[in-house]
C-alpha atoms as a PDB file:
ATOM      1  CA  MET A   1      11.769  -1.376  15.221  1.00  0.00           C
ATOM      2  CA  SER A   2      12.490  -4.626  17.037  1.00  0.00           C
ATOM      3  CA  VAL A   3      13.488  -7.821  15.264  1.00  0.00           C
ATOM      4  CA  ALA A   4      10.286  -9.460  16.539  1.00  0.00           C
ATOM      5  CA  ILE A   5       8.051  -6.841  14.904  1.00  0.00           C
ATOM      6  CA  GLU A   6      10.055  -6.950  11.696  1.00  0.00           C
ATOM      7  CA  GLN A   7       9.714 -10.720  11.454  1.00  0.00           C
ATOM      8  CA  ARG A   8       5.978 -10.613  12.192  1.00  0.00           C
ATOM      9  CA  MET A   9       5.613  -8.124   9.355  1.00  0.00           C
ATOM     10  CA  ARG A  10       7.332 -10.340   6.807  1.00  0.00           C
ATOM     11  CA  HIS A  11       7.009 -13.952   7.971  1.00  0.00           C
ATOM     12  CA  HIS A  12       3.646 -14.430   6.245  1.00  0.00           C
ATOM     13  CA  MET A  13       5.412 -14.210   2.881  1.00  0.00           C
ATOM     14  CA  LYS A  14       7.034 -17.612   3.464  1.00  0.00           C
ATOM     15  CA  PRO A  15       3.893 -19.811   3.206  1.00  0.00           C
ATOM     16  CA  LEU A  16       2.594 -17.686   0.328  1.00  0.00           C
ATOM     17  CA  PHE A  17       5.837 -17.994  -1.616  1.00  0.00           C
ATOM     18  CA  LEU A  18       6.070 -21.739  -0.949  1.00  0.00           C
ATOM     19  CA  ASP A  19       2.559 -22.238  -2.269  1.00  0.00           C
ATOM     20  CA  ILE A  20       2.824 -19.920  -5.291  1.00  0.00           C
ATOM     21  CA  LEU A  21       6.199 -21.287  -6.409  1.00  0.00           C
ATOM     22  CA  GLY A  22       4.886 -24.822  -5.968  1.00  0.00           C
ATOM     23  CA  ARG A  23       1.726 -24.163  -7.982  1.00  0.00           C
ATOM     24  CA  ASP A  24       3.110 -21.946 -10.741  1.00  0.00           C
ATOM     25  CA  PRO A  25       6.480 -22.873 -12.308  1.00  0.00           C
ATOM     26  CA  ARG A  26       6.627 -19.446 -13.968  1.00  0.00           C
ATOM     27  CA  THR A  27       7.139 -17.652 -10.641  1.00  0.00           C
ATOM     28  CA  THR A  28      10.536 -16.657  -9.319  1.00  0.00           C
ATOM     29  CA  VAL A  29      11.699 -14.557  -6.348  1.00  0.00           C
ATOM     30  CA  VAL A  30      14.395 -11.874  -6.463  1.00  0.00           C
ATOM     31  CA  LEU A  31      15.811 -10.512  -3.187  1.00  0.00           C
ATOM     32  CA  ALA A  32      18.351  -7.900  -2.120  1.00  0.00           C
ATOM     33  CA  ASP A  33      19.383  -9.590   1.149  1.00  0.00           C
ATOM     34  CA  ILE A  34      16.298  -8.411   3.054  1.00  0.00           C
ATOM     35  CA  SER A  35      14.207 -11.352   4.364  1.00  0.00           C
ATOM     36  CA  GLU A  36      16.661 -14.018   3.213  1.00  0.00           C
ATOM     37  CA  ASP A  37      16.709 -15.382   6.779  1.00  0.00           C
ATOM     38  CA  ILE A  38      12.905 -15.510   6.922  1.00  0.00           C
ATOM     39  CA  LEU A  39      12.650 -17.235   3.532  1.00  0.00           C
ATOM     40  CA  THR A  40      15.218 -19.978   4.203  1.00  0.00           C
ATOM     41  CA  ASP A  41      12.688 -22.756   3.538  1.00  0.00           C
ATOM     42  CA  VAL A  42      11.700 -21.175   0.223  1.00  0.00           C
ATOM     43  CA  ILE A  43      15.336 -20.871  -0.869  1.00  0.00           C
ATOM     44  CA  GLU A  44      16.113 -24.465   0.085  1.00  0.00           C
ATOM     45  CA  ARG A  45      13.086 -25.878  -1.720  1.00  0.00           C
ATOM     46  CA  TYR A  46      13.422 -23.753  -4.877  1.00  0.00           C
ATOM     47  CA  PRO A  47      17.123 -22.844  -5.156  1.00  0.00           C
ATOM     48  CA  ASP A  48      16.846 -22.399  -8.929  1.00  0.00           C
ATOM     49  CA  ARG A  49      13.988 -19.888  -8.645  1.00  0.00           C
ATOM     50  CA  VAL A  50      15.100 -17.679  -5.745  1.00  0.00           C
ATOM     51  CA  ILE A  51      17.877 -15.204  -6.532  1.00  0.00           C
ATOM     52  CA  ASN A  52      19.571 -12.995  -3.940  1.00  0.00           C
ATOM     53  CA  VAL A  53      21.596 -10.283  -5.695  1.00  0.00           C
ATOM     54  CA  GLY A  54      22.886  -8.777  -2.447  1.00  0.00           C
ATOM     55  CA  ILE A  55      22.479  -5.140  -1.510  1.00  0.00           C
ATOM     56  CA  MET A  56      22.092  -3.994  -5.122  1.00  0.00           C
ATOM     57  CA  GLU A  57      18.508  -2.890  -5.505  1.00  0.00           C
ATOM     58  CA  GLN A  58      18.883  -1.441  -9.010  1.00  0.00           C
ATOM     59  CA  THR A  59      20.375  -4.735 -10.176  1.00  0.00           C
ATOM     60  CA  MET A  60      17.506  -6.545  -8.454  1.00  0.00           C
ATOM     61  CA  ILE A  61      14.893  -4.717 -10.571  1.00  0.00           C
ATOM     62  CA  SER A  62      16.821  -5.149 -13.819  1.00  0.00           C
ATOM     63  CA  ALA A  63      17.377  -8.860 -13.116  1.00  0.00           C
ATOM     64  CA  ALA A  64      13.652  -9.253 -12.480  1.00  0.00           C
ATOM     65  CA  ALA A  65      12.906  -7.538 -15.788  1.00  0.00           C
ATOM     66  CA  GLY A  66      15.211  -9.977 -17.554  1.00  0.00           C
ATOM     67  CA  LEU A  67      13.314 -12.874 -15.997  1.00  0.00           C
ATOM     68  CA  ALA A  68      10.025 -11.325 -17.133  1.00  0.00           C
ATOM     69  CA  LEU A  69      11.356 -11.072 -20.683  1.00  0.00           C
ATOM     70  CA  GLU A  70      12.063 -14.819 -20.551  1.00  0.00           C
ATOM     71  CA  GLY A  71       8.482 -15.620 -19.558  1.00  0.00           C
ATOM     72  CA  PHE A  72       8.838 -15.772 -15.777  1.00  0.00           C
ATOM     73  CA  ILE A  73       6.640 -13.911 -13.272  1.00  0.00           C
ATOM     74  CA  PRO A  74       9.096 -12.161 -10.933  1.00  0.00           C
ATOM     75  CA  ILE A  75       8.318 -11.466  -7.283  1.00  0.00           C
ATOM     76  CA  VAL A  76      10.660  -8.788  -5.940  1.00  0.00           C
ATOM     77  CA  HIS A  77      11.021  -7.887  -2.276  1.00  0.00           C
ATOM     78  CA  THR A  78      12.943  -5.464  -0.078  1.00  0.00           C
ATOM     79  CA  LEU A  79      12.322  -2.453   2.176  1.00  0.00           C
ATOM     80  CA  THR A  80      10.160   0.395   0.886  1.00  0.00           C
ATOM     81  CA  PRO A  81      12.768   3.096   0.085  1.00  0.00           C
ATOM     82  CA  PHE A  82      15.104   0.512  -1.446  1.00  0.00           C
ATOM     83  CA  LEU A  83      12.336  -0.934  -3.637  1.00  0.00           C
ATOM     84  CA  VAL A  84      10.781   2.335  -4.848  1.00  0.00           C
ATOM     85  CA  GLU A  85      13.170   5.265  -4.540  1.00  0.00           C
ATOM     86  CA  ARG A  86      16.616   3.804  -5.129  1.00  0.00           C
ATOM     87  CA  PRO A  87      15.702   1.807  -8.304  1.00  0.00           C
ATOM     88  CA  TYR A  88      12.998   4.161  -9.588  1.00  0.00           C
ATOM     89  CA  GLU A  89      14.776   4.561 -12.931  1.00  0.00           C
ATOM     90  CA  GLN A  90      14.888   0.788 -13.401  1.00  0.00           C
ATOM     91  CA  LEU A  91      11.191   0.446 -12.594  1.00  0.00           C
ATOM     92  CA  LYS A  92      10.426   3.125 -15.172  1.00  0.00           C
ATOM     93  CA  ASP A  93      12.696   1.898 -17.962  1.00  0.00           C
ATOM     94  CA  ASP A  94      12.815  -1.864 -17.414  1.00  0.00           C
ATOM     95  CA  PHE A  95       9.186  -2.553 -16.456  1.00  0.00           C
ATOM     96  CA  ILE A  96       6.961   0.382 -17.399  1.00  0.00           C
ATOM     97  CA  TYR A  97       8.561   1.250 -20.737  1.00  0.00           C
ATOM     98  CA  GLN A  98       8.788  -2.400 -21.812  1.00  0.00           C
ATOM     99  CA  ARG A  99       5.274  -3.157 -20.487  1.00  0.00           C
ATOM    100  CA  LEU A 100       6.431  -6.112 -18.398  1.00  0.00           C
ATOM    101  CA  GLY A 101       4.540  -7.776 -15.583  1.00  0.00           C
ATOM    102  CA  GLY A 102       6.044  -8.219 -12.137  1.00  0.00           C
ATOM    103  CA  ASN A 103       5.292  -8.065  -8.425  1.00  0.00           C
ATOM    104  CA  PHE A 104       7.048  -5.710  -6.024  1.00  0.00           C
ATOM    105  CA  ILE A 105       6.479  -6.355  -2.312  1.00  0.00           C
ATOM    106  CA  SER A 106       7.773  -3.788   0.153  1.00  0.00           C
ATOM    107  CA  SER A 107       8.199  -3.799   3.909  1.00  0.00           C
ATOM    108  CA  GLY A 108       8.649  -0.761   6.099  1.00  0.00           C
ATOM    109  CA  ALA A 109       5.831   1.489   4.850  1.00  0.00           C
ATOM    110  CA  SER A 110       5.935   5.141   5.923  1.00  0.00           C
ATOM    111  CA  TYR A 111       7.858   5.004   9.192  1.00  0.00           C
ATOM    112  CA  ASP A 112       7.711   1.425  10.459  1.00  0.00           C
ATOM    113  CA  TYR A 113      11.481   1.781  10.821  1.00  0.00           C
ATOM    114  CA  SER A 114      10.747   4.822  12.925  1.00  0.00           C
ATOM    115  CA  ILE A 115      14.041   5.153  14.779  1.00  0.00           C
ATOM    116  CA  GLN A 116      16.300   4.642  11.744  1.00  0.00           C
ATOM    117  CA  GLY A 117      15.682   7.983  10.117  1.00  0.00           C
ATOM    118  CA  MET A 118      14.948   9.164   6.616  1.00  0.00           C
ATOM    119  CA  THR A 119      17.017   6.510   4.829  1.00  0.00           C
ATOM    120  CA  HIS A 120      14.501   3.915   6.057  1.00  0.00           C
ATOM    121  CA  HIS A 121      11.319   6.011   5.881  1.00  0.00           C
ATOM    122  CA  GLY A 122       9.026   5.567   2.880  1.00  0.00           C
ATOM    123  CA  PRO A 123       5.938   7.817   2.930  1.00  0.00           C
ATOM    124  CA  ALA A 124       6.486   8.951  -0.687  1.00  0.00           C
ATOM    125  CA  ASP A 125       6.213   5.504  -2.290  1.00  0.00           C
ATOM    126  CA  VAL A 126       2.601   5.625  -3.482  1.00  0.00           C
ATOM    127  CA  ALA A 127       2.863   9.199  -4.770  1.00  0.00           C
ATOM    128  CA  LEU A 128       5.981   8.286  -6.744  1.00  0.00           C
ATOM    129  CA  LEU A 129       4.582   5.098  -8.232  1.00  0.00           C
ATOM    130  CA  ARG A 130       1.330   6.771  -9.287  1.00  0.00           C
ATOM    131  CA  ASN A 131       3.446   8.724 -11.788  1.00  0.00           C
ATOM    132  CA  LEU A 132       4.397   5.515 -13.608  1.00  0.00           C
ATOM    133  CA  PRO A 133       1.678   4.733 -16.195  1.00  0.00           C
ATOM    134  CA  GLY A 134       0.357   1.206 -15.808  1.00  0.00           C
ATOM    135  CA  MET A 135       1.752   0.619 -12.312  1.00  0.00           C
ATOM    136  CA  GLN A 136      -0.826  -1.105 -10.097  1.00  0.00           C
ATOM    137  CA  ILE A 137      -0.693  -0.300  -6.371  1.00  0.00           C
ATOM    138  CA  VAL A 138      -2.125  -2.504  -3.622  1.00  0.00           C
ATOM    139  CA  VAL A 139      -2.276  -1.458   0.052  1.00  0.00           C
ATOM    140  CA  PRO A 140      -3.698  -4.368   2.079  1.00  0.00           C
ATOM    141  CA  GLY A 141      -4.805  -3.843   5.654  1.00  0.00           C
ATOM    142  CA  THR A 142      -4.160  -7.354   6.991  1.00  0.00           C
ATOM    143  CA  THR A 143      -2.071 -10.424   6.259  1.00  0.00           C
ATOM    144  CA  GLU A 144      -5.141 -12.263   4.981  1.00  0.00           C
ATOM    145  CA  GLU A 145      -5.975  -9.436   2.583  1.00  0.00           C
ATOM    146  CA  PHE A 146      -2.437  -9.399   1.203  1.00  0.00           C
ATOM    147  CA  ASP A 147      -2.578 -13.149   0.580  1.00  0.00           C
ATOM    148  CA  SER A 148      -5.925 -12.882  -1.216  1.00  0.00           C
ATOM    149  CA  LEU A 149      -5.086  -9.799  -3.272  1.00  0.00           C
ATOM    150  CA  PHE A 150      -1.702 -11.166  -4.316  1.00  0.00           C
ATOM    151  CA  ARG A 151      -3.242 -14.396  -5.557  1.00  0.00           C
ATOM    152  CA  GLN A 152      -5.840 -12.417  -7.518  1.00  0.00           C
ATOM    153  CA  ALA A 153      -3.346 -10.155  -9.273  1.00  0.00           C
ATOM    154  CA  TYR A 154       0.160 -11.647  -9.378  1.00  0.00           C
ATOM    155  CA  ALA A 155      -0.173 -13.138 -12.892  1.00  0.00           C
ATOM    156  CA  ASN A 156      -2.256 -10.420 -14.568  1.00  0.00           C
ATOM    157  CA  GLY A 157       0.658  -9.190 -16.688  1.00  0.00           C
ATOM    158  CA  ALA A 158       0.986  -5.757 -15.066  1.00  0.00           C
ATOM    159  CA  PRO A 159       3.661  -4.353 -12.743  1.00  0.00           C
ATOM    160  CA  THR A 160       2.056  -4.393  -9.295  1.00  0.00           C
ATOM    161  CA  TYR A 161       3.294  -2.890  -6.027  1.00  0.00           C
ATOM    162  CA  TYR A 162       2.197  -4.366  -2.686  1.00  0.00           C
ATOM    163  CA  ARG A 163       2.725  -2.098   0.326  1.00  0.00           C
ATOM    164  CA  LEU A 164       3.083  -4.045   3.578  1.00  0.00           C
ATOM    165  CA  SER A 165       3.074  -2.529   7.053  1.00  0.00           C
ATOM    166  CA  THR A 166       3.585  -3.551  10.653  1.00  0.00           C
ATOM    167  CA  GLU A 167       0.143  -2.153  11.495  1.00  0.00           C
ATOM    168  CA  GLU A 168      -2.898  -4.271  10.671  1.00  0.00           C
ATOM    169  CA  ASN A 169      -6.605  -3.646  10.977  1.00  0.00           C
ATOM    170  CA  PRO A 170      -8.387  -5.576  13.751  1.00  0.00           C
ATOM    171  CA  ALA A 171     -10.126  -7.853  11.238  1.00  0.00           C
ATOM    172  CA  PRO A 172      -9.776  -8.590   7.500  1.00  0.00           C
ATOM    173  CA  GLN A 173     -12.363  -7.490   4.975  1.00  0.00           C
ATOM    174  CA  ASP A 174     -13.618  -9.433   1.976  1.00  0.00           C
ATOM    175  CA  THR A 175     -11.562  -7.580  -0.631  1.00  0.00           C
ATOM    176  CA  THR A 176     -11.464  -7.801  -4.416  1.00  0.00           C
ATOM    177  CA  PHE A 177      -8.589  -6.469  -6.486  1.00  0.00           C
ATOM    178  CA  GLY A 178      -9.543  -3.205  -8.164  1.00  0.00           C
ATOM    179  CA  LYS A 179     -12.687  -2.688  -6.074  1.00  0.00           C
ATOM    180  CA  LEU A 180     -13.690  -0.544  -3.114  1.00  0.00           C
ATOM    181  CA  THR A 181     -15.394  -2.376  -0.254  1.00  0.00           C
ATOM    182  CA  VAL A 182     -18.501  -0.787   1.289  1.00  0.00           C
ATOM    183  CA  VAL A 183     -18.006  -1.140   5.059  1.00  0.00           C
ATOM    184  CA  GLN A 184     -20.937   1.004   6.211  1.00  0.00           C
ATOM    185  CA  ARG A 185     -23.454   3.394   4.714  1.00  0.00           C
ATOM    186  CA  GLY A 186     -24.439   6.824   6.004  1.00  0.00           C
ATOM    187  CA  THR A 187     -25.798  10.116   4.694  1.00  0.00           C
ATOM    188  CA  GLN A 188     -23.674  12.956   6.071  1.00  0.00           C
ATOM    189  CA  ALA A 189     -20.362  12.328   4.299  1.00  0.00           C
ATOM    190  CA  THR A 190     -18.165   9.713   2.632  1.00  0.00           C
ATOM    191  CA  VAL A 191     -14.926   8.506   4.195  1.00  0.00           C
ATOM    192  CA  ILE A 192     -12.393   6.508   2.158  1.00  0.00           C
ATOM    193  CA  ALA A 193      -9.969   4.536   4.340  1.00  0.00           C
ATOM    194  CA  VAL A 194      -6.866   3.111   2.668  1.00  0.00           C
ATOM    195  CA  GLY A 195      -5.301  -0.149   3.873  1.00  0.00           C
ATOM    196  CA  PRO A 196      -4.256  -0.206   7.553  1.00  0.00           C
ATOM    197  CA  MET A 197      -6.060   3.086   8.263  1.00  0.00           C
ATOM    198  CA  LEU A 198      -9.469   1.352   8.307  1.00  0.00           C
ATOM    199  CA  GLY A 199      -9.299   0.273  11.942  1.00  0.00           C
ATOM    200  CA  ARG A 200      -8.530   3.786  13.142  1.00  0.00           C
ATOM    201  CA  VAL A 201     -11.159   5.281  10.828  1.00  0.00           C
ATOM    202  CA  LEU A 202     -13.923   2.994  12.108  1.00  0.00           C
ATOM    203  CA  GLU A 203     -12.994   3.883  15.676  1.00  0.00           C
ATOM    204  CA  ALA A 204     -12.972   7.573  14.756  1.00  0.00           C
ATOM    205  CA  VAL A 205     -16.388   7.641  13.043  1.00  0.00           C
ATOM    206  CA  GLY A 206     -18.190   5.142  15.276  1.00  0.00           C
ATOM    207  CA  ASP A 207     -21.157   7.412  16.038  1.00  0.00           C
ATOM    208  CA  LEU A 208     -21.098   9.497  12.874  1.00  0.00           C
ATOM    209  CA  ASP A 209     -23.645   9.151  10.062  1.00  0.00           C
ATOM    210  CA  VAL A 210     -21.111   8.554   7.295  1.00  0.00           C
ATOM    211  CA  THR A 211     -20.461   6.075   4.513  1.00  0.00           C
ATOM    212  CA  VAL A 212     -17.113   4.267   4.872  1.00  0.00           C
ATOM    213  CA  LEU A 213     -15.450   2.851   1.769  1.00  0.00           C
ATOM    214  CA  TYR A 214     -12.382   0.664   2.152  1.00  0.00           C
ATOM    215  CA  CYS A 215      -9.644   0.964  -0.463  1.00  0.00           C
ATOM    216  CA  THR A 216      -6.984  -1.720  -0.890  1.00  0.00           C
ATOM    217  CA  THR A 217      -6.345  -1.142  -4.604  1.00  0.00           C
ATOM    218  CA  VAL A 218      -5.093   2.405  -5.031  1.00  0.00           C
ATOM    219  CA  ALA A 219      -4.376   1.925  -8.736  1.00  0.00           C
ATOM    220  CA  PRO A 220      -6.436   1.175 -10.710  1.00  0.00           C
ATOM    221  CA  PHE A 221      -8.889   3.128  -8.567  1.00  0.00           C
ATOM    222  CA  ASP A 222     -12.530   2.058  -8.407  1.00  0.00           C
ATOM    223  CA  ALA A 223     -14.229   5.264  -9.535  1.00  0.00           C
ATOM    224  CA  GLU A 224     -17.492   3.459 -10.324  1.00  0.00           C
ATOM    225  CA  THR A 225     -18.179   2.337  -6.750  1.00  0.00           C
ATOM    226  CA  LEU A 226     -17.237   5.738  -5.329  1.00  0.00           C
ATOM    227  CA  HIS A 227     -19.609   7.455  -7.741  1.00  0.00           C
ATOM    228  CA  ALA A 228     -22.430   5.067  -6.821  1.00  0.00           C
ATOM    229  CA  GLU A 229     -21.923   5.121  -3.033  1.00  0.00           C
ATOM    230  CA  GLN A 230     -20.860   8.732  -2.365  1.00  0.00           C
ATOM    231  CA  ARG A 231     -23.184  10.545   0.044  1.00  0.00           C
ATOM    232  CA  GLY A 232     -23.193  14.104   1.362  1.00  0.00           C
ATOM    233  CA  ASP A 233     -21.093  16.937  -0.015  1.00  0.00           C
ATOM    234  CA  ALA A 234     -17.922  15.992   1.883  1.00  0.00           C
ATOM    235  CA  VAL A 235     -15.386  13.300   0.995  1.00  0.00           C
ATOM    236  CA  ILE A 236     -12.663  12.524   3.533  1.00  0.00           C
ATOM    237  CA  LEU A 237      -9.682  10.492   2.379  1.00  0.00           C
ATOM    238  CA  VAL A 238      -7.525   8.810   5.048  1.00  0.00           C
ATOM    239  CA  GLU A 239      -4.220   7.412   3.731  1.00  0.00           C
ATOM    240  CA  PRO A 240      -1.160   5.802   5.425  1.00  0.00           C
ATOM    241  CA  TYR A 241       1.384   7.605   3.181  1.00  0.00           C
ATOM    242  CA  TYR A 242       1.845  11.222   2.050  1.00  0.00           C
ATOM    243  CA  GLU A 243      -1.628  12.726   2.125  1.00  0.00           C
ATOM    244  CA  GLY A 244      -3.503  13.505  -1.051  1.00  0.00           C
ATOM    245  CA  ALA A 245      -2.227  10.796  -3.397  1.00  0.00           C
ATOM    246  CA  LEU A 246      -5.765   9.715  -4.334  1.00  0.00           C
ATOM    247  CA  VAL A 247      -7.313  13.183  -4.564  1.00  0.00           C
ATOM    248  CA  PRO A 248      -6.997  13.355  -8.392  1.00  0.00           C
ATOM    249  CA  GLU A 249      -8.869  10.050  -8.733  1.00  0.00           C
ATOM    250  CA  ILE A 250     -11.612  11.214  -6.371  1.00  0.00           C
ATOM    251  CA  THR A 251     -11.955  14.511  -8.236  1.00  0.00           C
ATOM    252  CA  ALA A 252     -12.233  12.717 -11.567  1.00  0.00           C
ATOM    253  CA  ALA A 253     -14.768  10.203 -10.258  1.00  0.00           C
ATOM    254  CA  LEU A 254     -17.024  12.958  -8.873  1.00  0.00           C
ATOM    255  CA  GLU A 255     -16.489  15.647 -11.498  1.00  0.00           C
ATOM    256  CA  ASP A 256     -20.218  15.849 -12.158  1.00  0.00           C
ATOM    257  CA  ARG A 257     -21.135  16.925  -8.609  1.00  0.00           C
ATOM    258  CA  PRO A 258     -20.026  19.587  -6.123  1.00  0.00           C
ATOM    259  CA  VAL A 259     -17.998  18.027  -3.293  1.00  0.00           C
ATOM    260  CA  ARG A 260     -15.500  19.144  -0.672  1.00  0.00           C
ATOM    261  CA  ILE A 261     -12.455  16.895  -0.251  1.00  0.00           C
ATOM    262  CA  LYS A 262     -10.269  16.546   2.833  1.00  0.00           C
ATOM    263  CA  ALA A 263      -7.057  14.479   2.686  1.00  0.00           C
ATOM    264  CA  ILE A 264      -5.696  13.052   5.942  1.00  0.00           C
ATOM    265  CA  GLY A 265      -2.382  11.221   5.908  1.00  0.00           C
ATOM    266  CA  VAL A 266       1.322  11.664   6.509  1.00  0.00           C
ATOM    267  CA  PRO A 267       1.983  15.412   6.055  1.00  0.00           C
ATOM    268  CA  HIS A 268       4.497  16.596   3.449  1.00  0.00           C
ATOM    269  CA  GLN A 269       7.297  17.323   5.872  1.00  0.00           C
ATOM    270  CA  ILE A 270      10.632  15.865   6.935  1.00  0.00           C
ATOM    271  CA  LEU A 271      10.207  13.457   9.847  1.00  0.00           C
ATOM    272  CA  SER A 272      13.365  14.528  11.635  1.00  0.00           C
ATOM    273  CA  ARG A 273      12.398  13.453  15.164  1.00  0.00           C
ATOM    274  CA  TYR A 274      13.096   9.952  16.412  1.00  0.00           C
ATOM    275  CA  GLY A 275      10.609   7.773  18.251  1.00  0.00           C
ATOM    276  CA  THR A 276       8.343   4.758  17.997  1.00  0.00           C
ATOM    277  CA  TYR A 277       5.753   4.184  15.297  1.00  0.00           C
ATOM    278  CA  GLN A 278       2.998   5.127  17.754  1.00  0.00           C
ATOM    279  CA  GLN A 279       4.811   8.298  18.797  1.00  0.00           C
ATOM    280  CA  HIS A 280       4.963   9.364  15.148  1.00  0.00           C
ATOM    281  CA  ASN A 281       1.208   8.708  14.823  1.00  0.00           C
ATOM    282  CA  GLU A 282       0.567  10.833  17.906  1.00  0.00           C
ATOM    283  CA  ALA A 283       2.749  13.665  16.668  1.00  0.00           C
ATOM    284  CA  LEU A 284       1.175  13.649  13.203  1.00  0.00           C
ATOM    285  CA  GLY A 285      -2.439  13.391  14.367  1.00  0.00           C
ATOM    286  CA  LEU A 286      -2.909   9.932  12.849  1.00  0.00           C
ATOM    287  CA  THR A 287      -4.390   8.197  15.873  1.00  0.00           C
ATOM    288  CA  ALA A 288      -8.120   7.441  15.954  1.00  0.00           C
ATOM    289  CA  ARG A 289      -8.641  10.518  18.139  1.00  0.00           C
ATOM    290  CA  GLY A 290      -6.603  12.739  15.839  1.00  0.00           C
ATOM    291  CA  ILE A 291      -8.448  11.492  12.771  1.00  0.00           C
ATOM    292  CA  ARG A 292     -11.821  12.051  14.428  1.00  0.00           C
ATOM    293  CA  ASP A 293     -10.902  15.613  15.396  1.00  0.00           C
ATOM    294  CA  ARG A 294      -9.923  16.451  11.829  1.00  0.00           C
ATOM    295  CA  ILE A 295     -13.033  14.818  10.359  1.00  0.00           C
ATOM    296  CA  THR A 296     -15.451  16.562  12.725  1.00  0.00           C
ATOM    297  CA  ARG A 297     -13.796  19.951  12.208  1.00  0.00           C
ATOM    298  CA  PHE A 298     -14.079  19.505   8.443  1.00  0.00           C
ATOM    299  CA  LEU A 299     -17.728  18.496   8.630  1.00  0.00           C
ATOM    300  CA  GLN A 300     -18.525  21.511  10.812  1.00  0.00           C
ATOM    301  CA  GLN A 301     -17.140  23.953   8.255  1.00  0.00           C
ATOM    302  CA  PRO A 302     -19.926  25.873   6.504  1.00  0.00           C
ATOM    303  CA  THR A 303     -20.550  24.996   2.874  1.00  0.00           C
ATOM    304  CA  ARG A 304     -19.995  27.914   0.532  1.00  0.00           C
ATOM    305  CA  GLN A 305     -22.930  28.720  -1.736  1.00  0.00           C
END
């Protein structure tokens, strides 16, 4: 991934951090080197509330927990595998067990760092964090959505993970934390698009008679809206991480009715080939064309009586 793409992915944090730190004296930022160059203005303006611990991600989480214990609202940021997988024990023990609030903002998503191999890939993040009781998970699809959702949730007292990606949807939606957004209504099936998958989903289902629900808050999941808006006997879930993470929530929300569920996302396999982000999408069938093919094949399957 080029430096230009990387900076575009993360530069929008600077105005948000400047505004939040200026408005709320309880907020503080904890870094592990990543994005220090992009956040120079934030560091210079608030040197007493921005801490860079260096490349020590476990220390970063524990330091943030200490700040939370002292009444601060920590905002923690680094790349996806270094924020979720490396300090998983600290997230579990320091935040979840002690019921502390904090904000964890990742960059890199599933394979944004496509050519740097498995150490920099992060498709397992959402599946891992769903196993931590009380962890909130936000997957915005645009910069504007991230800004809005962060402002809605950052001080709600819960540990909250924000998953950022280089890919954005063509246009932002009017999103509310904890709620599904109804993008279109149809009768044949229900498609749930998570975060940056919405643009590809809308292109894929353009002429299909389906309801499209847009999900930016993975946890807590909005079962009520799904139950009210679900149409047809087929539910197709399209996720930008390991496929199937939201299937248990969908099953629970629709336990009173017979439905077929199809999960489309990053397959559970080692991504051992190198290439660009788009080449990975092509290989994994996660382009608009690939998504459409999988949706139409699923809808054409006969329903068992």
